[in-house]
Each structure stands twice: as structure tokens, then as C-alpha cells.
Amino acid sequence: YQVLRVSPKNSRDIGIIENEVQNLALDVWKETRKSKGAAIDIMISGSDLSKFTDVLGTENIPFFVMISDVQGAMDNQKSLHAEYTTTRALNHTTYHTIEEIYGILNALEDDYPEMVKVFDAGVTHEGRPIRVMK
């Protein structure tokens, strides 16, 4: 699957696009506001891609490929989410070193500076800093 951003120039173009979307049962991600120049984002399968782009080309309706591989983008997003949750989240069933915990606190402060402040509240009897999050 791919996502195309189609830019109708007038109401005629919008009608042509809407007709093709209905005929090919395409998935519209972002609808137009029925005004010229408002882009429409449409997800389309490889089997319907040439049919749809042929119509756009014949009717001189501008478009470009916004996402060339939707599945790849989804897989990448899942991978990033898995990496984030394993590296930046506390798992209460696993032992974490103090360095890991402080790293997570610092990452939270970096990600949400308007909500999270990390600072030293004091030192232990061994002279090590006690980091806290507010």
C-alpha cells in the first residue's frame, strides 16, 4: 500500500477524485474541505495504483507519493515503540541499576521538559547523589 497526496485544483477535480475513490473502494485518510487547493490523502493498494494514477494523469490532477510503503512505515513505528518501551520504561519485574533508573528519569525530562524536572535532593551517607523527579 501507498499513500498519495492529491491536490485538486477545482470542484471538477474533486468530483473526479471522489468518483475514483468510490469506484476503487479506496481509503481516504484526509478529506478535502471542498475547496480548491485542499489536499486529499488516499491510501491505495498496488493493484489499484496504476488505475488511479492513470486517471489523475489523464485529468492533469497533481499528486505525489507521501508514503511509499505503508506496511514498512508501520513496522518501523512498531520497532521504535518496542525500543522505546524496553529502553525507557521501568519494568517492575526486573532489577534496574541506579544508572538505568537515572537514565530513565533524564529521558523523561528530555521528552517532557514542561512537565518533568529532575534534580538532586541530597546525598546518601556514602556521598552519592539522590536524584528525584518532580
C-alpha atoms as a PDB file:
ATOM      1  CA  TYR A   1       0.000   0.000   0.000  1.00  0.00           C
ATOM      2  CA  GLN A   2       0.984   3.601  -0.641  1.00  0.00           C
ATOM      3  CA  VAL A   3      -0.428   6.935   0.447  1.00  0.00           C
ATOM      4  CA  LEU A   4      -0.843   9.582  -2.238  1.00  0.00           C
ATOM      5  CA  ARG A   5      -1.427  13.267  -1.588  1.00  0.00           C
ATOM      6  CA  VAL A   6      -3.721  14.516  -4.337  1.00  0.00           C
ATOM      7  CA  SER A   7      -4.208  18.258  -4.906  1.00  0.00           C
ATOM      8  CA  PRO A   8      -7.422  19.042  -6.775  1.00  0.00           C
ATOM      9  CA  LYS A   9      -7.434  22.434  -8.477  1.00  0.00           C
ATOM     10  CA  ASN A  10     -11.210  22.881  -8.655  1.00  0.00           C
ATOM     11  CA  SER A  11     -14.565  21.265  -7.871  1.00  0.00           C
ATOM     12  CA  ARG A  12     -14.401  19.218 -11.099  1.00  0.00           C
ATOM     13  CA  ASP A  13     -11.148  17.612  -9.904  1.00  0.00           C
ATOM     14  CA  ILE A  14     -12.733  16.910  -6.515  1.00  0.00           C
ATOM     15  CA  GLY A  15     -15.646  15.154  -8.219  1.00  0.00           C
ATOM     16  CA  ILE A  16     -13.306  13.003 -10.331  1.00  0.00           C
ATOM     17  CA  ILE A  17     -11.288  12.029  -7.263  1.00  0.00           C
ATOM     18  CA  GLU A  18     -14.394  11.222  -5.204  1.00  0.00           C
ATOM     19  CA  ASN A  19     -15.740   9.080  -8.052  1.00  0.00           C
ATOM     20  CA  GLU A  20     -12.497   7.089  -8.307  1.00  0.00           C
ATOM     21  CA  VAL A  21     -12.307   6.704  -4.524  1.00  0.00           C
ATOM     22  CA  GLN A  22     -15.802   5.208  -4.554  1.00  0.00           C
ATOM     23  CA  ASN A  23     -15.248   3.004  -7.643  1.00  0.00           C
ATOM     24  CA  LEU A  24     -11.977   1.552  -6.332  1.00  0.00           C
ATOM     25  CA  ALA A  25     -13.090   1.500  -2.656  1.00  0.00           C
ATOM     26  CA  LEU A  26     -10.034   3.489  -1.596  1.00  0.00           C
ATOM     27  CA  ASP A  27      -9.254   4.559   1.954  1.00  0.00           C
ATOM     28  CA  VAL A  28      -9.262   8.353   2.367  1.00  0.00           C
ATOM     29  CA  TRP A  29      -7.001   9.455   5.210  1.00  0.00           C
ATOM     30  CA  LYS A  30      -7.671  13.173   4.977  1.00  0.00           C
ATOM     31  CA  GLU A  31     -10.776  14.573   3.326  1.00  0.00           C
ATOM     32  CA  THR A  32     -10.894  17.761   1.334  1.00  0.00           C
ATOM     33  CA  ARG A  33     -12.761  20.785   2.583  1.00  0.00           C
ATOM     34  CA  LYS A  34     -14.462  21.086  -0.813  1.00  0.00           C
ATOM     35  CA  SER A  35     -12.179  23.965  -1.703  1.00  0.00           C
ATOM     36  CA  LYS A  36      -9.559  24.133  -4.388  1.00  0.00           C
ATOM     37  CA  GLY A  37      -6.017  23.540  -3.246  1.00  0.00           C
ATOM     38  CA  ALA A  38      -7.017  21.443  -0.211  1.00  0.00           C
ATOM     39  CA  ALA A  39      -5.054  18.206  -0.425  1.00  0.00           C
ATOM     40  CA  ILE A  40      -6.608  14.749  -0.087  1.00  0.00           C
ATOM     41  CA  ASP A  41      -4.540  11.874   1.334  1.00  0.00           C
ATOM     42  CA  ILE A  42      -5.548   8.488  -0.055  1.00  0.00           C
ATOM     43  CA  MET A  43      -4.208   5.013   0.775  1.00  0.00           C
ATOM     44  CA  ILE A  44      -4.167   2.729  -2.235  1.00  0.00           C
ATOM     45  CA  SER A  45      -3.121  -0.859  -2.929  1.00  0.00           C
ATOM     46  CA  GLY A  46      -0.535  -1.743  -5.522  1.00  0.00           C
ATOM     47  CA  SER A  47      -3.182  -3.362  -7.725  1.00  0.00           C
ATOM     48  CA  ASP A  48      -5.244  -0.147  -7.904  1.00  0.00           C
ATOM     49  CA  LEU A  49      -2.330   2.277  -8.040  1.00  0.00           C
ATOM     50  CA  SER A  50      -1.872   2.385 -11.812  1.00  0.00           C
ATOM     51  CA  LYS A  51      -5.628   2.695 -12.459  1.00  0.00           C
ATOM     52  CA  PHE A  52      -5.889   5.637 -10.086  1.00  0.00           C
ATOM     53  CA  THR A  53      -2.717   7.427 -11.179  1.00  0.00           C
ATOM     54  CA  ASP A  54      -3.671   6.962 -14.846  1.00  0.00           C
ATOM     55  CA  VAL A  55      -6.925   8.838 -14.196  1.00  0.00           C
ATOM     56  CA  LEU A  56      -5.063  11.558 -12.290  1.00  0.00           C
ATOM     57  CA  GLY A  57      -2.551  11.893 -15.117  1.00  0.00           C
ATOM     58  CA  THR A  58      -5.226  11.961 -17.830  1.00  0.00           C
ATOM     59  CA  GLU A  59      -7.167  14.639 -15.930  1.00  0.00           C
ATOM     60  CA  ASN A  60      -3.973  16.577 -15.093  1.00  0.00           C
ATOM     61  CA  ILE A  61      -4.613  16.397 -11.335  1.00  0.00           C
ATOM     62  CA  PRO A  62      -1.367  16.864  -9.361  1.00  0.00           C
ATOM     63  CA  PHE A  63      -0.325  14.228  -6.815  1.00  0.00           C
ATOM     64  CA  PHE A  64       2.741  12.831  -5.131  1.00  0.00           C
ATOM     65  CA  VAL A  65       3.603   9.754  -3.104  1.00  0.00           C
ATOM     66  CA  MET A  66       3.509  10.672   0.568  1.00  0.00           C
ATOM     67  CA  ILE A  67       4.255   7.179   1.970  1.00  0.00           C
ATOM     68  CA  SER A  68       5.706   4.691  -0.490  1.00  0.00           C
ATOM     69  CA  ASP A  69       5.429   1.649   1.810  1.00  0.00           C
ATOM     70  CA  VAL A  70       2.685   1.825   4.454  1.00  0.00           C
ATOM     71  CA  GLN A  71       3.487  -1.626   5.884  1.00  0.00           C
ATOM     72  CA  GLY A  72       7.165  -0.735   6.173  1.00  0.00           C
ATOM     73  CA  ALA A  73       6.284   2.514   7.936  1.00  0.00           C
ATOM     74  CA  MET A  74       4.028   0.624  10.357  1.00  0.00           C
ATOM     75  CA  ASP A  75       6.722  -1.983  11.043  1.00  0.00           C
ATOM     76  CA  ASN A  76       9.256   0.787  11.659  1.00  0.00           C
ATOM     77  CA  GLN A  77       6.866   2.530  14.055  1.00  0.00           C
ATOM     78  CA  LYS A  78       6.273  -0.725  15.963  1.00  0.00           C
ATOM     79  CA  SER A  79      10.023  -1.260  16.178  1.00  0.00           C
ATOM     80  CA  LEU A  80      10.580   2.262  17.509  1.00  0.00           C
ATOM     81  CA  HIS A  81       7.784   1.807  20.045  1.00  0.00           C
ATOM     82  CA  ALA A  82       9.224  -1.514  21.212  1.00  0.00           C
ATOM     83  CA  GLU A  83      12.676   0.053  21.530  1.00  0.00           C
ATOM     84  CA  TYR A  84      11.254   2.987  23.486  1.00  0.00           C
ATOM     85  CA  THR A  85       9.332   0.797  25.891  1.00  0.00           C
ATOM     86  CA  THR A  86      12.285  -1.510  26.516  1.00  0.00           C
ATOM     87  CA  THR A  87      14.895   1.215  26.964  1.00  0.00           C
ATOM     88  CA  ARG A  88      12.915   3.984  28.637  1.00  0.00           C
ATOM     89  CA  ALA A  89      10.293   2.302  30.732  1.00  0.00           C
ATOM     90  CA  LEU A  90      10.585   0.764  34.138  1.00  0.00           C
ATOM     91  CA  ASN A  91       9.654  -2.876  34.264  1.00  0.00           C
ATOM     92  CA  HIS A  92       8.747  -3.655  37.849  1.00  0.00           C
ATOM     93  CA  THR A  93       9.528  -7.357  37.459  1.00  0.00           C
ATOM     94  CA  THR A  94      13.172  -6.708  36.579  1.00  0.00           C
ATOM     95  CA  TYR A  95      16.016  -5.297  38.670  1.00  0.00           C
ATOM     96  CA  HIS A  96      17.282  -1.947  37.381  1.00  0.00           C
ATOM     97  CA  THR A  97      20.586  -0.396  38.322  1.00  0.00           C
ATOM     98  CA  ILE A  98      20.560   3.126  39.700  1.00  0.00           C
ATOM     99  CA  GLU A  99      22.207   4.289  36.463  1.00  0.00           C
ATOM    100  CA  GLU A 100      19.323   2.822  34.434  1.00  0.00           C
ATOM    101  CA  ILE A 101      16.755   4.470  36.688  1.00  0.00           C
ATOM    102  CA  TYR A 102      18.504   7.842  36.487  1.00  0.00           C
ATOM    103  CA  GLY A 103      18.756   7.412  32.708  1.00  0.00           C
ATOM    104  CA  ILE A 104      15.004   6.886  32.507  1.00  0.00           C
ATOM    105  CA  LEU A 105      14.387   9.939  34.700  1.00  0.00           C
ATOM    106  CA  ASN A 106      16.645  12.053  32.477  1.00  0.00           C
ATOM    107  CA  ALA A 107      14.935  10.744  29.329  1.00  0.00           C
ATOM    108  CA  LEU A 108      11.528  11.678  30.757  1.00  0.00           C
ATOM    109  CA  GLU A 109      12.812  15.171  31.500  1.00  0.00           C
ATOM    110  CA  ASP A 110      14.175  15.460  27.934  1.00  0.00           C
ATOM    111  CA  ASP A 111      10.903  14.233  26.419  1.00  0.00           C
ATOM    112  CA  TYR A 112       8.572  16.283  28.640  1.00  0.00           C
ATOM    113  CA  PRO A 113      10.508  19.353  29.860  1.00  0.00           C
ATOM    114  CA  GLU A 114       7.317  21.283  30.612  1.00  0.00           C
ATOM    115  CA  MET A 115       6.086  18.563  32.993  1.00  0.00           C
ATOM    116  CA  VAL A 116       9.165  16.818  34.425  1.00  0.00           C
ATOM    117  CA  LYS A 117      12.054  18.278  36.399  1.00  0.00           C
ATOM    118  CA  VAL A 118      14.878  16.086  37.704  1.00  0.00           C
ATOM    119  CA  PHE A 119      17.211  17.378  40.380  1.00  0.00           C
ATOM    120  CA  ASP A 120      19.433  16.266  43.256  1.00  0.00           C
ATOM    121  CA  ALA A 121      17.532  16.214  46.557  1.00  0.00           C
ATOM    122  CA  GLY A 122      20.630  15.484  48.605  1.00  0.00           C
ATOM    123  CA  VAL A 123      23.278  12.828  49.031  1.00  0.00           C
ATOM    124  CA  THR A 124      23.370   9.391  50.607  1.00  0.00           C
ATOM    125  CA  HIS A 125      25.535   8.639  53.653  1.00  0.00           C
ATOM    126  CA  GLU A 126      28.038   7.307  51.085  1.00  0.00           C
ATOM    127  CA  GLY A 127      28.126  10.667  49.308  1.00  0.00           C
ATOM    128  CA  ARG A 128      26.141   9.593  46.210  1.00  0.00           C
ATOM    129  CA  PRO A 129      23.515  11.968  44.788  1.00  0.00           C
ATOM    130  CA  ILE A 130      19.834  11.245  45.356  1.00  0.00           C
ATOM    131  CA  ARG A 131      18.042  12.140  42.100  1.00  0.00           C
ATOM    132  CA  VAL A 132      14.331  12.898  42.247  1.00  0.00           C
ATOM    133  CA  MET A 133      11.674  13.766  39.717  1.00  0.00           C
ATOM    134  CA  LYS A 134       9.082  16.460  40.257  1.00  0.00           C
END
